Amino acid sequence: MTPTPCAVTLGSLHYDIVVDAPHRPAAGETVTGSAWRPVFGGKGGNQAVAVVAAGVPCRMVSAVGDDAFGPFLRDGLRRAGVDDAHVATIAGTGSGMSVAIMDVGGDYGAVIVSGANLAIDPGVLAKDALWQDATHLVLQNEIPEALNLAAAEAARARGVTTVLNAAPARPMSDAMARAVDILVVNAGEAEALCGRKVASLEDAGIAARALAERFRVVVVTAGGDGVAVAGQDISHAEPGHAVALVSTHGAGDCFIGTMVAELVRRESLDEAVASANLAAARHVSQPR
């Protein structure tokens, strides 16, 4: 039987409480919202789900607490078709959670509490079953860098490509930068990493080329303006798609998951980025 290539996602799982409000509150302000709902989330979980939604198998490495949120998060993975065999339940620890406030313009702000995501056991990275038929590892910054680095090094030892979505932005060690094969950041994260403001697709290209001096391949997303790619022998920009914005929530995770799925299918980077750009445009035009 021909093996089926897959992705591995190591990252966060959050029980998200999403609140609809006319605007996001300023300091000291109380805003009256119109609705709230629980949503499966965490950048790691959302990206794993997006990989599967794009048609590629994905294994999740994470942890939940032994609280009421844990079964909700496992069920979210399983209903989406993500393999949760490497998601641990940690006794005496709360699951990760967040509160996100969604305004009428479709933008949002969120606060996360990491909980069990900070207690993921690095020992799982030594299990051969985790890496069987895996071609790509997906990482984010909602777990400690030491764990990301251990995973990237384990992936490289097995010939697996590491994709890091450096979100939320934080300082990055040289060792982590060397371990990353493809860096994906949005405008704000690119600015935090290279100090160059990104307010257009042209700016995104400049930032991508600047970051490519430190990283092998860099993808900078610039919202509706599009996405720029840069590397040693790469410099490419993909314009955005004109859509009616409904909600930006989860657009970046949709982009990552779709891009990785296309790469697992052995599409070229340019083709993968183009597919992800279109998928993210469709995502923001749908209600959440």
Protein backbone atom coordinates (compact mmCIF):
# COMPACT_ATOMS: atom_id res chain seq x y z
CA MET A 1 0.00 0.00 0.00
CA THR A 2 1.34 3.45 -0.92
CA PRO A 3 1.91 5.54 2.24
CA THR A 4 -0.27 8.62 2.66
CA PRO A 5 1.82 11.71 3.43
CA CYS A 6 0.63 13.82 6.36
CA ALA A 7 1.44 16.84 8.49
CA VAL A 8 2.18 17.09 12.21
CA THR A 9 1.02 20.15 14.14
CA LEU A 10 2.52 20.92 17.54
CA GLY A 11 0.80 23.77 19.31
CA SER A 12 -1.96 25.21 21.40
CA LEU A 13 -5.56 24.21 22.03
CA HIS A 14 -7.87 26.88 23.44
CA TYR A 15 -11.49 26.93 24.51
CA ASP A 16 -12.39 30.28 22.95
CA ILE A 17 -15.19 32.44 24.29
CA VAL A 18 -16.09 34.79 21.44
CA VAL A 19 -18.04 37.94 22.29
CA ASP A 20 -19.81 40.08 19.67
CA ALA A 21 -19.61 43.79 20.50
CA PRO A 22 -20.08 47.12 18.69
CA HIS A 23 -16.40 47.89 19.26
CA ARG A 24 -13.49 46.68 21.32
CA PRO A 25 -13.29 48.43 24.69
CA ALA A 26 -10.72 51.10 25.43
CA ALA A 27 -8.89 51.11 28.76
CA GLY A 28 -11.41 51.39 31.57
CA GLU A 29 -14.40 51.14 29.23
CA THR A 30 -17.31 48.71 29.58
CA VAL A 31 -19.02 47.75 26.32
CA THR A 32 -22.38 46.02 26.03
CA GLY A 33 -22.12 43.02 23.74
CA SER A 34 -24.86 41.36 21.73
CA ALA A 35 -23.92 37.66 21.96
CA TRP A 36 -21.26 35.17 23.02
CA ARG A 37 -20.45 31.58 22.05
CA PRO A 38 -17.87 28.90 22.82
CA VAL A 39 -15.57 28.09 19.90
CA PHE A 40 -12.85 25.46 19.39
CA GLY A 41 -9.56 27.31 19.06
CA GLY A 42 -5.86 27.76 19.67
CA LYS A 43 -3.53 28.46 16.78
CA GLY A 44 -2.24 24.90 16.82
CA GLY A 45 -5.68 23.34 16.81
CA ASN A 46 -7.05 25.71 14.20
CA GLN A 47 -4.13 25.09 11.87
CA ALA A 48 -4.41 21.31 12.26
CA VAL A 49 -8.11 21.54 11.42
CA ALA A 50 -7.30 23.74 8.41
CA VAL A 51 -4.79 21.18 7.09
CA VAL A 52 -7.44 18.46 7.21
CA ALA A 53 -10.09 20.77 5.73
CA ALA A 54 -7.73 21.23 2.79
CA GLY A 55 -7.67 17.46 2.26
CA VAL A 56 -4.48 16.28 4.01
CA PRO A 57 -4.21 14.09 7.17
CA CYS A 58 -2.80 15.78 10.26
CA ARG A 59 -1.65 14.63 13.69
CA MET A 60 -1.94 17.01 16.65
CA VAL A 61 0.58 17.23 19.49
CA SER A 62 -0.77 19.21 22.43
CA ALA A 63 -2.27 18.92 25.92
CA VAL A 64 -5.57 19.66 27.63
CA GLY A 65 -6.53 19.82 31.29
CA ASP A 66 -8.80 17.48 33.20
CA ASP A 67 -11.54 20.11 33.24
CA ALA A 68 -14.77 20.51 31.28
CA PHE A 69 -12.93 22.25 28.43
CA GLY A 70 -10.72 19.22 27.67
CA PRO A 71 -13.44 16.97 26.15
CA PHE A 72 -14.76 19.94 24.15
CA LEU A 73 -11.32 20.46 22.60
CA ARG A 74 -10.77 16.77 21.87
CA ASP A 75 -14.20 16.57 20.28
CA GLY A 76 -13.34 19.56 18.09
CA LEU A 77 -10.26 17.79 16.79
CA ARG A 78 -12.01 14.48 16.23
CA ARG A 79 -15.05 15.97 14.48
CA ALA A 80 -12.67 17.75 12.10
CA GLY A 81 -10.79 14.51 11.40
CA VAL A 82 -7.54 15.44 13.20
CA ASP A 83 -5.63 12.58 14.87
CA ASP A 84 -5.54 13.40 18.62
CA ALA A 85 -3.61 10.30 19.74
CA HIS A 86 -0.70 12.52 20.80
CA VAL A 87 -2.79 15.00 22.80
CA ALA A 88 -2.28 14.42 26.54
CA THR A 89 -4.72 15.09 29.37
CA ILE A 90 -2.88 16.59 32.33
CA ALA A 91 -4.34 16.07 35.79
CA GLY A 92 -4.76 19.10 38.05
CA THR A 93 -4.25 21.56 35.18
CA GLY A 94 -6.73 23.80 33.38
CA SER A 95 -7.06 23.65 29.60
CA GLY A 96 -5.94 26.62 27.54
CA MET A 97 -8.64 29.22 26.92
CA SER A 98 -9.15 32.67 25.48
CA VAL A 99 -11.66 35.50 25.34
CA ALA A 100 -11.98 37.17 21.93
CA ILE A 101 -13.98 40.34 21.33
CA MET A 102 -15.30 40.65 17.77
CA ASP A 103 -16.34 44.12 16.58
CA VAL A 104 -18.90 45.01 13.91
CA GLY A 105 -16.12 45.64 11.39
CA GLY A 106 -15.00 42.00 11.58
CA ASP A 107 -11.77 42.64 13.51
CA TYR A 108 -11.06 41.21 16.93
CA GLY A 109 -8.77 41.31 19.94
CA ALA A 110 -8.11 38.39 22.28
CA VAL A 111 -6.54 37.42 25.60
CA ILE A 112 -5.23 33.87 26.02
CA VAL A 113 -4.54 31.82 29.15
CA SER A 114 -2.18 29.02 28.14
CA GLY A 115 -2.90 26.46 30.87
CA ALA A 116 -2.04 22.90 29.78
CA ASN A 117 -0.37 24.17 26.60
CA LEU A 118 2.66 25.06 28.72
CA ALA A 119 2.93 21.47 29.98
CA ILE A 120 3.18 19.54 26.69
CA ASP A 121 5.61 16.66 27.21
CA PRO A 122 8.59 16.89 24.80
CA GLY A 123 9.02 13.13 25.16
CA VAL A 124 6.29 12.61 22.57
CA LEU A 125 8.71 13.91 19.93
CA ALA A 126 10.78 10.72 20.21
CA LYS A 127 7.86 8.48 19.19
CA ASP A 128 8.30 7.01 15.73
CA ALA A 129 4.53 6.74 15.29
CA LEU A 130 4.22 10.52 15.45
CA TRP A 131 6.47 11.00 12.42
CA GLN A 132 5.34 8.07 10.26
CA ASP A 133 4.76 9.35 6.69
CA ALA A 134 5.00 12.98 7.91
CA THR A 135 6.48 15.50 5.48
CA HIS A 136 5.79 18.81 7.28
CA LEU A 137 5.76 20.04 10.88
CA VAL A 138 3.66 23.10 11.77
CA LEU A 139 4.60 25.28 14.77
CA GLN A 140 3.34 28.54 16.32
CA ASN A 141 4.37 30.79 19.22
CA GLU A 142 1.60 29.93 21.69
CA ILE A 143 3.87 27.30 23.24
CA PRO A 144 7.40 27.75 24.68
CA GLU A 145 10.25 28.24 22.20
CA ALA A 146 12.25 25.43 23.82
CA LEU A 147 9.53 22.96 22.81
CA ASN A 148 9.31 24.42 19.30
CA LEU A 149 13.07 24.10 18.91
CA ALA A 150 13.09 20.49 20.12
CA ALA A 151 10.33 19.67 17.64
CA ALA A 152 12.07 21.39 14.75
CA GLU A 153 15.31 19.56 15.49
CA ALA A 154 13.47 16.23 15.70
CA ALA A 155 11.78 17.02 12.38
CA ARG A 156 15.04 17.88 10.65
CA ALA A 157 16.61 14.64 11.85
CA ARG A 158 13.79 12.82 10.04
CA GLY A 159 13.84 14.92 6.86
CA VAL A 160 10.59 16.71 7.77
CA THR A 161 10.14 20.36 6.73
CA THR A 162 9.37 22.80 9.57
CA VAL A 163 6.90 25.65 9.04
CA LEU A 164 6.80 28.23 11.85
CA ASN A 165 3.95 30.70 12.14
CA ALA A 166 5.69 33.18 14.47
CA ALA A 167 2.45 34.32 16.10
CA PRO A 168 2.11 35.94 18.51
CA ALA A 169 5.31 37.89 17.87
CA ARG A 170 8.16 37.42 20.34
CA PRO A 171 11.97 37.54 20.23
CA MET A 172 13.48 34.48 18.56
CA SER A 173 16.81 32.83 19.26
CA ASP A 174 19.32 32.25 16.47
CA ALA A 175 19.01 28.51 17.08
CA MET A 176 15.27 28.65 16.43
CA ALA A 177 15.74 30.77 13.32
CA ARG A 178 18.22 28.22 11.94
CA ALA A 179 15.82 25.35 12.63
CA VAL A 180 12.95 26.88 10.62
CA ASP A 181 12.55 26.01 6.93
CA ILE A 182 9.59 28.31 6.18
CA LEU A 183 8.66 31.32 8.34
CA VAL A 184 5.13 32.71 8.01
CA VAL A 185 4.21 36.04 9.61
CA ASN A 186 1.57 38.71 9.17
CA ALA A 187 2.27 42.43 8.82
CA GLY A 188 2.53 43.13 12.54
CA GLU A 189 4.70 40.10 13.25
CA ALA A 190 7.00 40.94 10.34
CA GLU A 191 7.44 44.46 11.70
CA ALA A 192 8.24 43.08 15.17
CA LEU A 193 10.90 40.75 13.75
CA CYS A 194 12.61 43.09 11.28
CA GLY A 195 11.57 46.61 12.35
CA ARG A 196 10.05 47.49 8.96
CA LYS A 197 6.48 48.75 8.82
CA VAL A 198 4.18 46.72 6.55
CA ALA A 199 1.29 48.78 5.21
CA SER A 200 1.13 47.47 1.62
CA LEU A 201 2.05 44.50 -0.53
CA GLU A 202 5.24 46.32 -1.56
CA ASP A 203 6.14 46.75 2.12
CA ALA A 204 5.47 43.04 2.67
CA GLY A 205 7.94 42.19 -0.08
CA ILE A 206 10.60 44.45 1.44
CA ALA A 207 10.05 42.90 4.88
CA ALA A 208 10.14 39.36 3.45
CA ARG A 209 13.46 40.03 1.73
CA ALA A 210 14.89 41.55 4.91
CA LEU A 211 13.81 38.55 6.98
CA ALA A 212 15.20 36.18 4.33
CA GLU A 213 18.67 37.29 5.43
CA ARG A 214 18.00 35.32 8.63
CA PHE A 215 15.49 32.65 7.55
CA ARG A 216 15.59 30.22 4.61
CA VAL A 217 12.15 31.09 3.20
CA VAL A 218 9.80 33.83 4.41
CA VAL A 219 6.10 34.35 3.72
CA VAL A 220 4.60 37.70 4.80
CA THR A 221 0.83 38.04 4.65
CA ALA A 222 -0.55 41.55 4.26
CA GLY A 223 -4.28 41.01 4.73
CA GLY A 224 -6.38 42.08 1.78
CA ASP A 225 -3.31 43.43 -0.02
CA GLY A 226 -1.94 39.94 -0.59
CA VAL A 227 1.17 37.97 0.35
CA ALA A 228 4.90 38.21 -0.37
CA VAL A 229 7.46 35.39 -0.48
CA ALA A 230 11.24 35.67 -0.30
CA GLY A 231 14.24 33.38 0.01
CA GLN A 232 17.73 32.88 -1.34
CA ASP A 233 16.51 32.46 -4.92
CA ILE A 234 12.86 33.50 -4.38
CA SER A 235 11.06 36.83 -4.60
CA HIS A 236 7.37 36.71 -5.41
CA ALA A 237 4.21 38.67 -4.57
CA GLU A 238 0.63 37.41 -4.81
CA PRO A 239 -2.03 40.16 -4.81
CA GLY A 240 -5.10 39.86 -2.62
CA HIS A 241 -8.60 38.94 -3.76
CA ALA A 242 -11.43 41.46 -3.60
CA VAL A 243 -14.07 40.11 -1.18
CA ALA A 244 -16.60 41.58 1.23
CA LEU A 245 -15.03 41.38 4.70
CA VAL A 246 -17.21 39.67 7.29
CA SER A 247 -14.66 38.47 9.87
CA THR A 248 -10.87 38.17 9.99
CA HIS A 249 -11.01 35.67 12.87
CA GLY A 250 -9.01 32.56 11.95
CA ALA A 251 -7.91 33.82 8.53
CA GLY A 252 -4.21 33.36 9.29
CA ASP A 253 -4.77 29.79 10.50
CA CYS A 254 -6.75 29.02 7.34
CA PHE A 255 -3.84 30.37 5.26
CA ILE A 256 -1.26 28.26 7.10
CA GLY A 257 -3.29 25.06 6.98
CA THR A 258 -4.06 25.38 3.29
CA MET A 259 -0.47 26.24 2.38
CA VAL A 260 0.91 23.28 4.34
CA ALA A 261 -1.65 20.91 2.83
CA GLU A 262 -0.59 21.96 -0.68
CA LEU A 263 3.07 21.50 0.23
CA VAL A 264 2.37 18.02 1.60
CA ARG A 265 0.76 17.27 -1.77
CA ARG A 266 4.10 18.38 -3.28
CA GLU A 267 2.78 21.52 -4.93
CA SER A 268 5.40 24.25 -5.43
CA LEU A 269 5.69 26.99 -2.81
CA ASP A 270 4.25 29.57 -5.24
CA GLU A 271 1.27 27.32 -5.97
CA ALA A 272 0.76 26.59 -2.27
CA VAL A 273 0.84 30.29 -1.38
CA ALA A 274 -1.61 31.14 -4.17
CA SER A 275 -4.05 28.47 -2.97
CA ALA A 276 -3.71 29.65 0.64
CA ASN A 277 -4.23 33.28 -0.36
CA LEU A 278 -7.49 32.37 -2.10
CA ALA A 279 -8.66 30.16 0.79
CA ALA A 280 -8.03 32.96 3.31
CA ALA A 281 -9.97 35.43 1.15
CA ARG A 282 -12.93 33.07 1.07
CA HIS A 283 -12.59 32.54 4.83
CA VAL A 284 -12.87 36.24 5.72
CA SER A 285 -15.96 36.61 3.52
CA GLN A 286 -17.91 34.03 5.56
CA PRO A 287 -19.62 34.55 8.96
CA ARG A 288 -17.88 32.92 11.91
